[in-house]
Amino acid sequence: MRILIVEDEEKIAAFIRKGLEEQGFVVDTLTRGDEALLALANQPYDAAVLDVFLPGRDGLSVLRAVRRRGIHLPVLLLTARGEIYERVEGLESGADDYLPKPFAMEELVARLRALLRRAAGVGLSLYQVDDLTLNLVSRVATRGERRIELTGREFSLLELLMRSPGKVFTRTEICEHVWNFHFDPGTNLVDVYIQKLRKKIDEGQDRKLIQTVRGIGYRIEESS
């Protein structure tokens, strides 16, 4: 998942970025509210972690502007501890959740994953397509009774596909969400990782779950 962190305190931003990247997220960081609004209006983020106090434009102003523009990505608001009015105003402005500072990284990750699951219409920390399951908490994939060992990038790619079964993801979308860069027609990076997943998930199986949509991209779908 691709996450935008908007936090002007360098140490806090670096702390969040490191923690999220360790969990397999692709992360961008910004320090100013005006830059954040521009990025959210033009980039395909899955969620945002937004501080209330920012230079250029405060976090609540950014949040209200984002919602007015019809941008519905999950937003986790960082607030000062004890400032109840910030939390109330944040929720009324369109925040999906809030987290007072200081906070534990484990809680931020858990809250963010909960928001992403809710946005995807998933109530549990588990994605399932046919007999393939992906546990977002334990970071374990299984097909039937067989456990599948995945690298960090393989896990992120499989999570993207399984989050929306049947949806065709273009190579550009996959690059943006899994590697955080725009697709280069001269690279076969996406195809290489798809083949790695196929070998681990579909090889030797009668039912092939990872499908190629010729000329467009890839999807994961229950076999007919």
C-alpha atoms as a PDB file:
ATOM      1  CA  MET A   1       0.000   0.000   0.000  1.00  0.00           C
ATOM      2  CA  ARG A   2       1.174   3.523  -0.793  1.00  0.00           C
ATOM      3  CA  ILE A   3       0.999   5.935   2.155  1.00  0.00           C
ATOM      4  CA  LEU A   4       1.574   9.691   2.396  1.00  0.00           C
ATOM      5  CA  ILE A   5       3.005  11.014   5.673  1.00  0.00           C
ATOM      6  CA  VAL A   6       2.586  14.742   6.271  1.00  0.00           C
ATOM      7  CA  GLU A   7       4.643  15.728   9.309  1.00  0.00           C
ATOM      8  CA  ASP A   8       6.951  18.719   9.721  1.00  0.00           C
ATOM      9  CA  GLU A   9       8.952  17.270  12.639  1.00  0.00           C
ATOM     10  CA  GLU A  10      11.828  15.458  10.948  1.00  0.00           C
ATOM     11  CA  LYS A  11      12.422  12.866  13.651  1.00  0.00           C
ATOM     12  CA  ILE A  12       8.760  11.894  13.877  1.00  0.00           C
ATOM     13  CA  ALA A  13       8.432  11.672  10.085  1.00  0.00           C
ATOM     14  CA  ALA A  14      11.549   9.473   9.864  1.00  0.00           C
ATOM     15  CA  PHE A  15      10.262   7.291  12.713  1.00  0.00           C
ATOM     16  CA  ILE A  16       6.917   6.731  10.990  1.00  0.00           C
ATOM     17  CA  ARG A  17       8.491   6.154   7.603  1.00  0.00           C
ATOM     18  CA  LYS A  18      10.924   3.558   8.910  1.00  0.00           C
ATOM     19  CA  GLY A  19       8.195   1.729  10.830  1.00  0.00           C
ATOM     20  CA  LEU A  20       5.815   1.614   7.868  1.00  0.00           C
ATOM     21  CA  GLU A  21       8.485   0.553   5.395  1.00  0.00           C
ATOM     22  CA  GLU A  22       9.435  -2.300   7.716  1.00  0.00           C
ATOM     23  CA  GLN A  23       5.806  -3.450   7.422  1.00  0.00           C
ATOM     24  CA  GLY A  24       5.953  -3.437   3.623  1.00  0.00           C
ATOM     25  CA  PHE A  25       4.290  -0.086   2.930  1.00  0.00           C
ATOM     26  CA  VAL A  26       5.514   2.261   0.204  1.00  0.00           C
ATOM     27  CA  VAL A  27       5.919   5.685   1.830  1.00  0.00           C
ATOM     28  CA  ASP A  28       6.206   9.321   0.730  1.00  0.00           C
ATOM     29  CA  THR A  29       6.824  12.138   3.221  1.00  0.00           C
ATOM     30  CA  LEU A  30       5.997  15.838   3.026  1.00  0.00           C
ATOM     31  CA  THR A  31       6.369  18.649   5.565  1.00  0.00           C
ATOM     32  CA  ARG A  32       3.953  21.332   4.330  1.00  0.00           C
ATOM     33  CA  GLY A  33       0.184  21.359   4.132  1.00  0.00           C
ATOM     34  CA  ASP A  34       0.004  23.062   0.736  1.00  0.00           C
ATOM     35  CA  GLU A  35       2.336  20.436  -0.752  1.00  0.00           C
ATOM     36  CA  ALA A  36       0.223  17.683   0.819  1.00  0.00           C
ATOM     37  CA  LEU A  37      -2.989  18.954  -0.772  1.00  0.00           C
ATOM     38  CA  LEU A  38      -1.332  19.065  -4.178  1.00  0.00           C
ATOM     39  CA  ALA A  39       0.062  15.529  -3.768  1.00  0.00           C
ATOM     40  CA  LEU A  40      -3.242  14.069  -2.561  1.00  0.00           C
ATOM     41  CA  ALA A  41      -5.090  15.636  -5.484  1.00  0.00           C
ATOM     42  CA  ASN A  42      -2.686  14.216  -8.061  1.00  0.00           C
ATOM     43  CA  GLN A  43      -1.165  10.978  -6.720  1.00  0.00           C
ATOM     44  CA  PRO A  44      -2.824   7.570  -6.123  1.00  0.00           C
ATOM     45  CA  TYR A  45      -2.311   7.125  -2.373  1.00  0.00           C
ATOM     46  CA  ASP A  46      -4.093   4.411  -0.399  1.00  0.00           C
ATOM     47  CA  ALA A  47      -4.061   6.386   2.876  1.00  0.00           C
ATOM     48  CA  ALA A  48      -2.523   9.424   4.566  1.00  0.00           C
ATOM     49  CA  VAL A  49      -1.079  10.133   8.015  1.00  0.00           C
ATOM     50  CA  LEU A  50      -1.663  13.840   8.576  1.00  0.00           C
ATOM     51  CA  ASP A  51      -0.392  16.048  11.394  1.00  0.00           C
ATOM     52  CA  VAL A  52      -2.660  18.861  12.571  1.00  0.00           C
ATOM     53  CA  PHE A  53       0.025  21.559  12.864  1.00  0.00           C
ATOM     54  CA  LEU A  54       1.817  22.126   9.565  1.00  0.00           C
ATOM     55  CA  PRO A  55       3.493  25.086   7.857  1.00  0.00           C
ATOM     56  CA  GLY A  56       1.926  26.467   4.703  1.00  0.00           C
ATOM     57  CA  ARG A  57      -1.534  25.115   5.485  1.00  0.00           C
ATOM     58  CA  ASP A  58      -2.655  23.376   8.659  1.00  0.00           C
ATOM     59  CA  GLY A  59      -3.714  19.745   8.630  1.00  0.00           C
ATOM     60  CA  LEU A  60      -7.415  20.376   9.280  1.00  0.00           C
ATOM     61  CA  SER A  61      -7.563  22.815   6.372  1.00  0.00           C
ATOM     62  CA  VAL A  62      -5.912  20.236   4.122  1.00  0.00           C
ATOM     63  CA  LEU A  63      -8.356  17.577   5.297  1.00  0.00           C
ATOM     64  CA  ARG A  64     -11.414  19.734   4.614  1.00  0.00           C
ATOM     65  CA  ALA A  65     -10.125  20.670   1.158  1.00  0.00           C
ATOM     66  CA  VAL A  66      -9.421  17.005   0.336  1.00  0.00           C
ATOM     67  CA  ARG A  67     -12.954  15.974   1.304  1.00  0.00           C
ATOM     68  CA  ARG A  68     -14.512  18.875  -0.629  1.00  0.00           C
ATOM     69  CA  ARG A  69     -12.727  17.602  -3.726  1.00  0.00           C
ATOM     70  CA  GLY A  70     -14.300  14.200  -3.285  1.00  0.00           C
ATOM     71  CA  ILE A  71     -11.066  12.433  -2.317  1.00  0.00           C
ATOM     72  CA  HIS A  72     -12.086   9.613   0.017  1.00  0.00           C
ATOM     73  CA  LEU A  73      -8.836   7.911   0.972  1.00  0.00           C
ATOM     74  CA  PRO A  74      -8.497   6.972   4.679  1.00  0.00           C
ATOM     75  CA  VAL A  75      -6.856   9.720   6.764  1.00  0.00           C
ATOM     76  CA  LEU A  76      -5.258   9.125  10.166  1.00  0.00           C
ATOM     77  CA  LEU A  77      -4.859  12.421  12.021  1.00  0.00           C
ATOM     78  CA  LEU A  78      -1.970  13.037  14.446  1.00  0.00           C
ATOM     79  CA  THR A  79      -3.007  15.337  17.293  1.00  0.00           C
ATOM     80  CA  ALA A  80      -1.517  16.804  20.447  1.00  0.00           C
ATOM     81  CA  ARG A  81      -2.231  14.705  23.531  1.00  0.00           C
ATOM     82  CA  GLY A  82      -5.052  16.127  25.626  1.00  0.00           C
ATOM     83  CA  GLU A  83      -6.371  18.470  22.930  1.00  0.00           C
ATOM     84  CA  ILE A  84      -9.874  17.022  22.644  1.00  0.00           C
ATOM     85  CA  TYR A  85     -11.127  19.854  20.443  1.00  0.00           C
ATOM     86  CA  GLU A  86      -8.543  18.899  17.792  1.00  0.00           C
ATOM     87  CA  ARG A  87      -9.833  15.345  17.698  1.00  0.00           C
ATOM     88  CA  VAL A  88     -13.476  16.397  17.535  1.00  0.00           C
ATOM     89  CA  GLU A  89     -12.815  18.996  14.841  1.00  0.00           C
ATOM     90  CA  GLY A  90     -10.664  16.507  12.938  1.00  0.00           C
ATOM     91  CA  LEU A  91     -13.364  13.832  12.904  1.00  0.00           C
ATOM     92  CA  GLU A  92     -15.981  16.392  11.904  1.00  0.00           C
ATOM     93  CA  SER A  93     -13.695  17.589   9.097  1.00  0.00           C
ATOM     94  CA  GLY A  94     -13.491  14.107   7.617  1.00  0.00           C
ATOM     95  CA  ALA A  95     -10.705  12.249   9.449  1.00  0.00           C
ATOM     96  CA  ASP A  96     -11.241   8.501   9.734  1.00  0.00           C
ATOM     97  CA  ASP A  97      -9.281   8.131  12.967  1.00  0.00           C
ATOM     98  CA  TYR A  98      -6.859  10.048  15.176  1.00  0.00           C
ATOM     99  CA  LEU A  99      -3.791   9.215  17.208  1.00  0.00           C
ATOM    100  CA  PRO A 100      -2.465  11.471  19.995  1.00  0.00           C
ATOM    101  CA  LYS A 101       1.282  12.142  20.246  1.00  0.00           C
ATOM    102  CA  PRO A 102       3.433  10.530  21.490  1.00  0.00           C
ATOM    103  CA  PHE A 103       2.371   7.142  20.145  1.00  0.00           C
ATOM    104  CA  ALA A 104       3.691   3.614  19.725  1.00  0.00           C
ATOM    105  CA  MET A 105       4.561   2.555  16.199  1.00  0.00           C
ATOM    106  CA  GLU A 106       2.652  -0.709  16.676  1.00  0.00           C
ATOM    107  CA  GLU A 107      -0.549   1.226  17.365  1.00  0.00           C
ATOM    108  CA  LEU A 108      -0.117   3.490  14.347  1.00  0.00           C
ATOM    109  CA  VAL A 109       0.405   0.470  12.061  1.00  0.00           C
ATOM    110  CA  ALA A 110      -2.597  -1.338  13.555  1.00  0.00           C
ATOM    111  CA  ARG A 111      -4.872   1.700  13.172  1.00  0.00           C
ATOM    112  CA  LEU A 112      -3.694   2.313   9.619  1.00  0.00           C
ATOM    113  CA  ARG A 113      -4.261  -1.301   8.604  1.00  0.00           C
ATOM    114  CA  ALA A 114      -7.731  -1.179  10.175  1.00  0.00           C
ATOM    115  CA  LEU A 115      -8.584   1.911   8.098  1.00  0.00           C
ATOM    116  CA  LEU A 116      -7.324   0.250   4.925  1.00  0.00           C
ATOM    117  CA  ARG A 117      -9.357  -2.899   5.634  1.00  0.00           C
ATOM    118  CA  ARG A 118     -12.451  -0.814   6.313  1.00  0.00           C
ATOM    119  CA  ALA A 119     -11.961   1.129   3.075  1.00  0.00           C
ATOM    120  CA  ALA A 120     -11.638  -2.136   1.163  1.00  0.00           C
ATOM    121  CA  GLY A 121     -14.734  -3.560   2.869  1.00  0.00           C
ATOM    122  CA  VAL A 122     -12.703  -6.195   4.691  1.00  0.00           C
ATOM    123  CA  GLY A 123     -13.580  -6.776   8.329  1.00  0.00           C
ATOM    124  CA  LEU A 124     -10.699  -9.068   9.242  1.00  0.00           C
ATOM    125  CA  SER A 125      -6.932  -8.979   8.872  1.00  0.00           C
ATOM    126  CA  LEU A 126      -7.214 -11.690   6.260  1.00  0.00           C
ATOM    127  CA  TYR A 127      -7.634 -11.684   2.500  1.00  0.00           C
ATOM    128  CA  GLN A 128      -8.862 -14.836   0.782  1.00  0.00           C
ATOM    129  CA  VAL A 129      -9.261 -15.803  -2.868  1.00  0.00           C
ATOM    130  CA  ASP A 130     -10.286 -19.418  -3.486  1.00  0.00           C
ATOM    131  CA  ASP A 131      -7.968 -21.482  -1.218  1.00  0.00           C
ATOM    132  CA  LEU A 132      -5.286 -18.770  -1.076  1.00  0.00           C
ATOM    133  CA  THR A 133      -5.158 -16.689   2.121  1.00  0.00           C
ATOM    134  CA  LEU A 134      -3.005 -13.736   3.134  1.00  0.00           C
ATOM    135  CA  ASN A 135      -2.804 -12.734   6.805  1.00  0.00           C
ATOM    136  CA  LEU A 136      -1.917  -9.045   7.124  1.00  0.00           C
ATOM    137  CA  VAL A 137      -0.976  -9.299  10.789  1.00  0.00           C
ATOM    138  CA  SER A 138       1.244 -12.384  10.789  1.00  0.00           C
ATOM    139  CA  ARG A 139       2.292 -11.655   7.181  1.00  0.00           C
ATOM    140  CA  VAL A 140       1.797 -15.307   6.275  1.00  0.00           C
ATOM    141  CA  ALA A 141       0.408 -16.612   2.981  1.00  0.00           C
ATOM    142  CA  THR A 142      -1.036 -20.106   2.576  1.00  0.00           C
ATOM    143  CA  ARG A 143      -2.609 -22.043  -0.260  1.00  0.00           C
ATOM    144  CA  GLY A 144      -4.654 -24.849   1.154  1.00  0.00           C
ATOM    145  CA  GLU A 145      -2.466 -26.360   3.870  1.00  0.00           C
ATOM    146  CA  ARG A 146       0.784 -25.189   2.250  1.00  0.00           C
ATOM    147  CA  ARG A 147       2.585 -22.172   3.687  1.00  0.00           C
ATOM    148  CA  ILE A 148       4.115 -19.862   1.067  1.00  0.00           C
ATOM    149  CA  GLU A 149       7.321 -17.973   1.841  1.00  0.00           C
ATOM    150  CA  LEU A 150       7.262 -14.460   0.357  1.00  0.00           C
ATOM    151  CA  THR A 151       9.781 -11.645   0.194  1.00  0.00           C
ATOM    152  CA  GLY A 152       8.652  -8.152   1.232  1.00  0.00           C
ATOM    153  CA  ARG A 153       7.992  -7.044  -2.356  1.00  0.00           C
ATOM    154  CA  GLU A 154       6.206 -10.278  -3.213  1.00  0.00           C
ATOM    155  CA  PHE A 155       3.971  -9.838  -0.162  1.00  0.00           C
ATOM    156  CA  SER A 156       3.164  -6.228  -1.143  1.00  0.00           C
ATOM    157  CA  LEU A 157       2.343  -7.251  -4.708  1.00  0.00           C
ATOM    158  CA  LEU A 158       0.110 -10.113  -3.576  1.00  0.00           C
ATOM    159  CA  GLU A 159      -1.615  -7.852  -1.043  1.00  0.00           C
ATOM    160  CA  LEU A 160      -2.387  -5.326  -3.788  1.00  0.00           C
ATOM    161  CA  LEU A 161      -3.900  -7.988  -6.042  1.00  0.00           C
ATOM    162  CA  MET A 162      -5.868  -9.715  -3.279  1.00  0.00           C
ATOM    163  CA  ARG A 163      -7.275  -6.473  -1.917  1.00  0.00           C
ATOM    164  CA  SER A 164      -9.447  -6.194  -5.050  1.00  0.00           C
ATOM    165  CA  PRO A 165     -10.058  -9.673  -6.535  1.00  0.00           C
ATOM    166  CA  GLY A 166     -11.021  -9.479 -10.192  1.00  0.00           C
ATOM    167  CA  LYS A 167      -9.668  -5.948 -10.651  1.00  0.00           C
ATOM    168  CA  VAL A 168      -7.096  -5.626 -13.410  1.00  0.00           C
ATOM    169  CA  PHE A 169      -4.026  -3.694 -12.268  1.00  0.00           C
ATOM    170  CA  THR A 170      -1.914  -2.083 -14.956  1.00  0.00           C
ATOM    171  CA  ARG A 171       1.867  -2.214 -14.753  1.00  0.00           C
ATOM    172  CA  THR A 172       1.833   1.517 -13.962  1.00  0.00           C
ATOM    173  CA  GLU A 173      -0.525   1.017 -11.015  1.00  0.00           C
ATOM    174  CA  ILE A 174       1.567  -1.853  -9.692  1.00  0.00           C
ATOM    175  CA  CYS A 175       4.800   0.145  -9.937  1.00  0.00           C
ATOM    176  CA  GLU A 176       3.250   3.123  -8.142  1.00  0.00           C
ATOM    177  CA  HIS A 177       1.788   1.081  -5.288  1.00  0.00           C
ATOM    178  CA  VAL A 178       4.519  -1.520  -4.781  1.00  0.00           C
ATOM    179  CA  TRP A 179       7.726   0.259  -5.844  1.00  0.00           C
ATOM    180  CA  ASN A 180       6.679   3.926  -5.646  1.00  0.00           C
ATOM    181  CA  PHE A 181       7.850   4.889  -9.112  1.00  0.00           C
ATOM    182  CA  HIS A 182       6.241   5.365 -12.494  1.00  0.00           C
ATOM    183  CA  PHE A 183       6.295   2.500 -14.949  1.00  0.00           C
ATOM    184  CA  ASP A 184       9.186   2.411 -17.382  1.00  0.00           C
ATOM    185  CA  PRO A 185       8.178   0.596 -20.604  1.00  0.00           C
ATOM    186  CA  GLY A 186      11.758  -0.623 -20.883  1.00  0.00           C
ATOM    187  CA  THR A 187      11.662  -2.619 -17.649  1.00  0.00           C
ATOM    188  CA  ASN A 188      10.183  -6.060 -17.040  1.00  0.00           C
ATOM    189  CA  LEU A 189      10.263  -5.698 -13.239  1.00  0.00           C
ATOM    190  CA  VAL A 190       6.528  -6.228 -12.775  1.00  0.00           C
ATOM    191  CA  ASP A 191       6.473  -9.259 -15.078  1.00  0.00           C
ATOM    192  CA  VAL A 192       9.429 -10.812 -13.227  1.00  0.00           C
ATOM    193  CA  TYR A 193       7.689 -10.494  -9.853  1.00  0.00           C
ATOM    194  CA  ILE A 194       4.400 -11.786 -11.252  1.00  0.00           C
ATOM    195  CA  GLN A 195       6.258 -14.856 -12.494  1.00  0.00           C
ATOM    196  CA  LYS A 196       7.828 -15.315  -9.042  1.00  0.00           C
ATOM    197  CA  LEU A 197       4.381 -15.216  -7.446  1.00  0.00           C
ATOM    198  CA  ARG A 198       2.971 -17.623 -10.006  1.00  0.00           C
ATOM    199  CA  LYS A 199       5.751 -20.095  -9.304  1.00  0.00           C
ATOM    200  CA  LYS A 200       5.049 -19.964  -5.567  1.00  0.00           C
ATOM    201  CA  ILE A 201       1.243 -19.843  -5.742  1.00  0.00           C
ATOM    202  CA  ASP A 202       0.035 -21.534  -8.932  1.00  0.00           C
ATOM    203  CA  GLU A 203       2.758 -23.982  -9.936  1.00  0.00           C
ATOM    204  CA  GLY A 204       1.450 -27.554  -9.652  1.00  0.00           C
ATOM    205  CA  GLN A 205      -2.104 -26.338  -9.000  1.00  0.00           C
ATOM    206  CA  ASP A 206      -5.054 -27.209 -11.232  1.00  0.00           C
ATOM    207  CA  ARG A 207      -6.618 -23.839 -10.453  1.00  0.00           C
ATOM    208  CA  LYS A 208      -4.528 -20.875 -11.611  1.00  0.00           C
ATOM    209  CA  LEU A 209      -5.374 -17.733  -9.640  1.00  0.00           C
ATOM    210  CA  ILE A 210      -3.002 -15.105 -11.061  1.00  0.00           C
ATOM    211  CA  GLN A 211      -4.191 -14.125 -14.516  1.00  0.00           C
ATOM    212  CA  THR A 212      -2.754 -12.020 -17.337  1.00  0.00           C
ATOM    213  CA  VAL A 213      -5.100  -9.659 -19.140  1.00  0.00           C
ATOM    214  CA  ARG A 214      -3.262  -9.227 -22.394  1.00  0.00           C
ATOM    215  CA  GLY A 215      -2.296  -5.667 -23.221  1.00  0.00           C
ATOM    216  CA  ILE A 216      -3.542  -4.340 -19.867  1.00  0.00           C
ATOM    217  CA  GLY A 217      -2.020  -5.987 -16.803  1.00  0.00           C
ATOM    218  CA  TYR A 218      -2.686  -8.600 -14.123  1.00  0.00           C
ATOM    219  CA  ARG A 219      -5.396  -9.672 -11.721  1.00  0.00           C
ATOM    220  CA  ILE A 220      -6.063 -12.383  -9.169  1.00  0.00           C
ATOM    221  CA  GLU A 221      -9.393 -14.138  -9.384  1.00  0.00           C
ATOM    222  CA  GLU A 222     -11.063 -17.338  -8.326  1.00  0.00           C
ATOM    223  CA  SER A 223     -10.918 -19.961 -11.039  1.00  0.00           C
ATOM    224  CA  SER A 224     -14.183 -20.722 -12.789  1.00  0.00           C
END
